[in-house]
Amino acid sequence: MQYTNGTQKFLYEKFSYVTTTKYGKSTILSIWLIYIAVSIWGASKVDIDFKNTYFIGEDANVRDYLERQEEYYKSGETINIIVDNEEADFTSEES
């Protein structure tokens, strides 16, 4: 067989035979499983921080508005209150 370069010769004569043995298959499978496990672990550590200003240019007027709105009007933490009472009617003015 005629090879055009040394890489083809190495891949055909050495690498293909090593990767098709039982040891080669188990090595490739092990490396792949470790890669998947590390990828899943890394994806679970990603911190999601979304702001609308990420998509607006630095010199846009609306960016100044959004930054000032966040600075002056956003204070404290968001609290969700859940009321478990079927008798209460929160759509009426009395409530």
N, C-alpha and C. Protein backbone atom coordinates (compact mmCIF):
# COMPACT_ATOMS: atom_id res chain seq x y z
N MET A 1 0.83 -1.17 0.00
CA MET A 1 0.00 0.00 0.00
C MET A 1 0.88 1.24 0.00
N GLN A 2 0.52 2.22 -0.76
CA GLN A 2 1.28 3.46 -0.90
C GLN A 2 0.69 4.54 0.00
N TYR A 3 1.53 5.14 0.86
CA TYR A 3 1.11 6.21 1.76
C TYR A 3 1.65 7.53 1.24
N THR A 4 0.84 8.60 1.41
CA THR A 4 1.31 9.90 0.94
C THR A 4 2.16 10.62 1.97
N ASN A 5 2.01 10.26 3.26
CA ASN A 5 2.86 10.86 4.30
C ASN A 5 2.96 9.92 5.49
N GLY A 6 3.77 10.30 6.45
CA GLY A 6 4.00 9.46 7.62
C GLY A 6 2.79 9.35 8.53
N THR A 7 1.95 10.35 8.51
CA THR A 7 0.76 10.32 9.36
C THR A 7 -0.18 9.21 8.90
N GLN A 8 -0.40 9.10 7.61
CA GLN A 8 -1.25 8.03 7.10
C GLN A 8 -0.69 6.66 7.44
N LYS A 9 0.59 6.52 7.33
CA LYS A 9 1.22 5.24 7.63
C LYS A 9 1.05 4.90 9.11
N PHE A 10 1.27 5.89 10.00
CA PHE A 10 1.11 5.67 11.43
C PHE A 10 -0.35 5.31 11.76
N LEU A 11 -1.30 6.06 11.22
CA LEU A 11 -2.71 5.80 11.52
C LEU A 11 -3.15 4.42 11.04
N TYR A 12 -2.68 4.01 9.87
CA TYR A 12 -3.09 2.72 9.33
C TYR A 12 -2.37 1.56 9.99
N GLU A 13 -1.08 1.66 10.17
CA GLU A 13 -0.30 0.51 10.65
C GLU A 13 -0.29 0.38 12.17
N LYS A 14 -0.33 1.46 12.91
CA LYS A 14 -0.21 1.39 14.37
C LYS A 14 -1.51 1.74 15.09
N PHE A 15 -1.98 2.95 14.86
CA PHE A 15 -3.09 3.49 15.63
C PHE A 15 -4.38 2.68 15.44
N SER A 16 -4.69 2.30 14.22
CA SER A 16 -5.94 1.57 13.97
C SER A 16 -5.94 0.21 14.66
N TYR A 17 -4.80 -0.43 14.72
CA TYR A 17 -4.75 -1.75 15.36
C TYR A 17 -4.80 -1.63 16.88
N VAL A 18 -4.17 -0.60 17.42
CA VAL A 18 -4.17 -0.42 18.88
C VAL A 18 -5.57 -0.07 19.36
N THR A 19 -6.29 0.78 18.64
CA THR A 19 -7.62 1.21 19.09
C THR A 19 -8.69 0.15 18.90
N THR A 20 -8.46 -0.85 18.11
CA THR A 20 -9.47 -1.89 17.92
C THR A 20 -9.27 -3.11 18.81
N THR A 21 -8.23 -3.11 19.62
CA THR A 21 -8.05 -4.21 20.57
C THR A 21 -8.97 -3.98 21.77
N LYS A 22 -9.12 -5.03 22.61
CA LYS A 22 -9.96 -4.88 23.81
C LYS A 22 -9.39 -3.81 24.74
N TYR A 23 -8.07 -3.78 24.89
CA TYR A 23 -7.43 -2.77 25.73
C TYR A 23 -7.64 -1.37 25.16
N GLY A 24 -7.53 -1.23 23.87
CA GLY A 24 -7.74 0.07 23.22
C GLY A 24 -9.16 0.55 23.36
N LYS A 25 -10.13 -0.36 23.16
CA LYS A 25 -11.54 0.01 23.29
C LYS A 25 -11.87 0.42 24.72
N SER A 26 -11.36 -0.32 25.69
CA SER A 26 -11.65 0.03 27.09
C SER A 26 -10.97 1.34 27.47
N THR A 27 -9.80 1.60 26.94
CA THR A 27 -9.12 2.87 27.21
C THR A 27 -9.90 4.05 26.63
N ILE A 28 -10.34 3.91 25.41
CA ILE A 28 -11.11 4.98 24.77
C ILE A 28 -12.43 5.20 25.50
N LEU A 29 -13.11 4.12 25.89
CA LEU A 29 -14.37 4.23 26.62
C LEU A 29 -14.15 4.89 27.98
N SER A 30 -13.08 4.53 28.67
CA SER A 30 -12.77 5.13 29.97
C SER A 30 -12.50 6.63 29.83
N ILE A 31 -11.71 7.01 28.85
CA ILE A 31 -11.42 8.42 28.63
C ILE A 31 -12.70 9.19 28.31
N TRP A 32 -13.56 8.59 27.49
CA TRP A 32 -14.82 9.23 27.11
C TRP A 32 -15.72 9.40 28.33
N LEU A 33 -15.83 8.39 29.19
CA LEU A 33 -16.67 8.49 30.39
C LEU A 33 -16.13 9.54 31.36
N ILE A 34 -14.81 9.61 31.51
CA ILE A 34 -14.22 10.64 32.37
C ILE A 34 -14.51 12.02 31.80
N TYR A 35 -14.40 12.17 30.51
CA TYR A 35 -14.70 13.45 29.87
C TYR A 35 -16.15 13.85 30.09
N ILE A 36 -17.08 12.93 29.92
CA ILE A 36 -18.50 13.22 30.14
C ILE A 36 -18.75 13.60 31.59
N ALA A 37 -18.15 12.88 32.53
CA ALA A 37 -18.34 13.17 33.96
C ALA A 37 -17.80 14.57 34.29
N VAL A 38 -16.63 14.91 33.79
CA VAL A 38 -16.06 16.24 34.05
C VAL A 38 -16.91 17.32 33.39
N SER A 39 -17.44 17.04 32.22
CA SER A 39 -18.29 18.01 31.53
C SER A 39 -19.58 18.26 32.31
N ILE A 40 -20.19 17.21 32.82
CA ILE A 40 -21.41 17.37 33.61
C ILE A 40 -21.12 18.13 34.89
N TRP A 41 -20.02 17.80 35.55
CA TRP A 41 -19.64 18.52 36.77
C TRP A 41 -19.40 20.00 36.47
N GLY A 42 -18.71 20.28 35.38
CA GLY A 42 -18.44 21.67 35.01
C GLY A 42 -19.71 22.43 34.67
N ALA A 43 -20.64 21.77 33.98
CA ALA A 43 -21.91 22.43 33.64
C ALA A 43 -22.72 22.73 34.90
N SER A 44 -22.60 21.90 35.92
CA SER A 44 -23.34 22.16 37.16
C SER A 44 -22.74 23.31 37.94
N LYS A 45 -21.50 23.69 37.68
CA LYS A 45 -20.84 24.78 38.38
C LYS A 45 -20.97 26.13 37.66
N VAL A 46 -21.65 26.18 36.53
CA VAL A 46 -21.80 27.42 35.78
C VAL A 46 -22.75 28.35 36.54
N ASP A 47 -22.31 29.59 36.75
CA ASP A 47 -23.11 30.58 37.43
C ASP A 47 -23.83 31.41 36.38
N ILE A 48 -25.14 31.47 36.47
CA ILE A 48 -25.93 32.21 35.49
C ILE A 48 -26.16 33.61 36.03
N ASP A 49 -25.64 34.60 35.33
CA ASP A 49 -25.79 36.00 35.71
C ASP A 49 -26.25 36.75 34.48
N PHE A 50 -27.55 37.02 34.41
CA PHE A 50 -28.12 37.65 33.22
C PHE A 50 -28.54 39.07 33.53
N LYS A 51 -28.12 39.98 32.71
CA LYS A 51 -28.56 41.37 32.78
C LYS A 51 -28.86 41.84 31.37
N ASN A 52 -29.88 42.69 31.24
CA ASN A 52 -30.22 43.22 29.91
C ASN A 52 -29.12 44.10 29.35
N THR A 53 -28.32 44.69 30.22
CA THR A 53 -27.27 45.60 29.75
C THR A 53 -26.15 44.86 29.03
N TYR A 54 -26.08 43.55 29.14
CA TYR A 54 -25.06 42.79 28.42
C TYR A 54 -25.23 42.91 26.91
N PHE A 55 -26.46 43.17 26.45
CA PHE A 55 -26.75 43.18 25.02
C PHE A 55 -26.88 44.59 24.46
N ILE A 56 -26.59 45.60 25.29
CA ILE A 56 -26.73 46.99 24.87
C ILE A 56 -25.35 47.63 24.84
N GLY A 57 -25.10 48.42 23.82
CA GLY A 57 -23.80 49.06 23.66
C GLY A 57 -23.48 50.00 24.81
N GLU A 58 -22.18 50.25 25.02
CA GLU A 58 -21.72 51.11 26.11
C GLU A 58 -22.22 52.55 25.98
N ASP A 59 -22.38 53.05 24.76
CA ASP A 59 -22.73 54.45 24.55
C ASP A 59 -24.23 54.66 24.30
N ALA A 60 -25.06 53.65 24.48
CA ALA A 60 -26.50 53.77 24.25
C ALA A 60 -27.16 54.48 25.42
N ASN A 61 -28.13 55.35 25.12
CA ASN A 61 -28.83 56.09 26.16
C ASN A 61 -29.64 55.17 27.06
N VAL A 62 -30.21 54.14 26.49
CA VAL A 62 -31.03 53.24 27.28
C VAL A 62 -30.19 52.48 28.31
N ARG A 63 -28.92 52.31 28.04
CA ARG A 63 -28.03 51.64 29.01
C ARG A 63 -27.87 52.50 30.26
N ASP A 64 -27.72 53.82 30.08
CA ASP A 64 -27.65 54.71 31.24
C ASP A 64 -28.92 54.63 32.07
N TYR A 65 -30.06 54.60 31.39
CA TYR A 65 -31.35 54.48 32.09
C TYR A 65 -31.41 53.19 32.90
N LEU A 66 -31.05 52.07 32.29
CA LEU A 66 -31.13 50.78 32.98
C LEU A 66 -30.16 50.70 34.16
N GLU A 67 -28.96 51.27 34.01
CA GLU A 67 -27.99 51.26 35.11
C GLU A 67 -28.46 52.12 36.28
N ARG A 68 -29.04 53.28 35.97
CA ARG A 68 -29.56 54.14 37.04
C ARG A 68 -30.77 53.52 37.71
N GLN A 69 -31.62 52.88 36.92
CA GLN A 69 -32.78 52.21 37.50
C GLN A 69 -32.34 51.12 38.46
N GLU A 70 -31.34 50.35 38.08
CA GLU A 70 -30.85 49.29 38.95
C GLU A 70 -30.18 49.87 40.20
N GLU A 71 -29.46 50.96 40.03
CA GLU A 71 -28.74 51.56 41.17
C GLU A 71 -29.69 52.17 42.19
N TYR A 72 -30.71 52.90 41.73
CA TYR A 72 -31.55 53.65 42.66
C TYR A 72 -32.84 52.94 43.07
N TYR A 73 -33.36 52.06 42.25
CA TYR A 73 -34.66 51.47 42.54
C TYR A 73 -34.62 50.00 42.91
N LYS A 74 -33.50 49.38 42.77
CA LYS A 74 -33.42 47.97 43.14
C LYS A 74 -32.69 47.87 44.47
N SER A 75 -33.42 47.53 45.49
CA SER A 75 -32.79 47.38 46.80
C SER A 75 -33.41 46.18 47.49
N GLY A 76 -32.62 45.49 48.25
CA GLY A 76 -33.13 44.34 48.98
C GLY A 76 -33.19 43.10 48.14
N GLU A 77 -33.89 42.14 48.67
CA GLU A 77 -34.03 40.85 48.01
C GLU A 77 -35.48 40.63 47.59
N THR A 78 -35.70 39.82 46.60
CA THR A 78 -37.05 39.46 46.18
C THR A 78 -37.56 38.36 47.08
N ILE A 79 -38.77 38.55 47.58
CA ILE A 79 -39.37 37.58 48.48
C ILE A 79 -40.67 37.09 47.86
N ASN A 80 -40.85 35.79 47.81
CA ASN A 80 -42.09 35.19 47.34
C ASN A 80 -42.89 34.73 48.55
N ILE A 81 -44.14 35.16 48.61
CA ILE A 81 -45.01 34.77 49.71
C ILE A 81 -46.11 33.87 49.13
N ILE A 82 -46.25 32.71 49.72
CA ILE A 82 -47.25 31.75 49.25
C ILE A 82 -48.29 31.60 50.35
N VAL A 83 -49.56 31.86 50.01
CA VAL A 83 -50.66 31.73 50.96
C VAL A 83 -51.47 30.51 50.57
N ASP A 84 -51.57 29.59 51.50
CA ASP A 84 -52.32 28.36 51.25
C ASP A 84 -53.67 28.46 51.94
N ASN A 85 -54.58 29.23 51.35
CA ASN A 85 -55.90 29.42 51.92
C ASN A 85 -56.88 29.55 50.76
N GLU A 86 -57.70 28.55 50.58
CA GLU A 86 -58.63 28.55 49.46
C GLU A 86 -59.79 29.52 49.68
N GLU A 87 -60.06 29.89 50.93
CA GLU A 87 -61.19 30.76 51.22
C GLU A 87 -60.87 32.24 50.99
N ALA A 88 -59.62 32.60 50.99
CA ALA A 88 -59.24 34.00 50.81
C ALA A 88 -59.39 34.39 49.34
N ASP A 89 -60.00 35.56 49.11
CA ASP A 89 -60.18 36.08 47.76
C ASP A 89 -59.32 37.33 47.61
N PHE A 90 -58.18 37.19 46.98
CA PHE A 90 -57.24 38.29 46.87
C PHE A 90 -57.54 39.19 45.68
N THR A 91 -58.62 38.92 44.98
CA THR A 91 -59.00 39.79 43.86
C THR A 91 -59.96 40.89 44.30
N SER A 92 -60.48 40.80 45.51
CA SER A 92 -61.43 41.83 45.97
C SER A 92 -60.67 42.99 46.62
N GLU A 93 -61.34 44.15 46.72
CA GLU A 93 -60.71 45.33 47.30
C GLU A 93 -60.50 45.17 48.82
N GLU A 94 -61.32 44.43 49.47
CA GLU A 94 -61.21 44.23 50.91
C GLU A 94 -59.92 43.50 51.28
N SER A 95 -59.53 42.59 50.47
CA SER A 95 -58.30 41.82 50.75
C SER A 95 -57.10 42.70 50.55
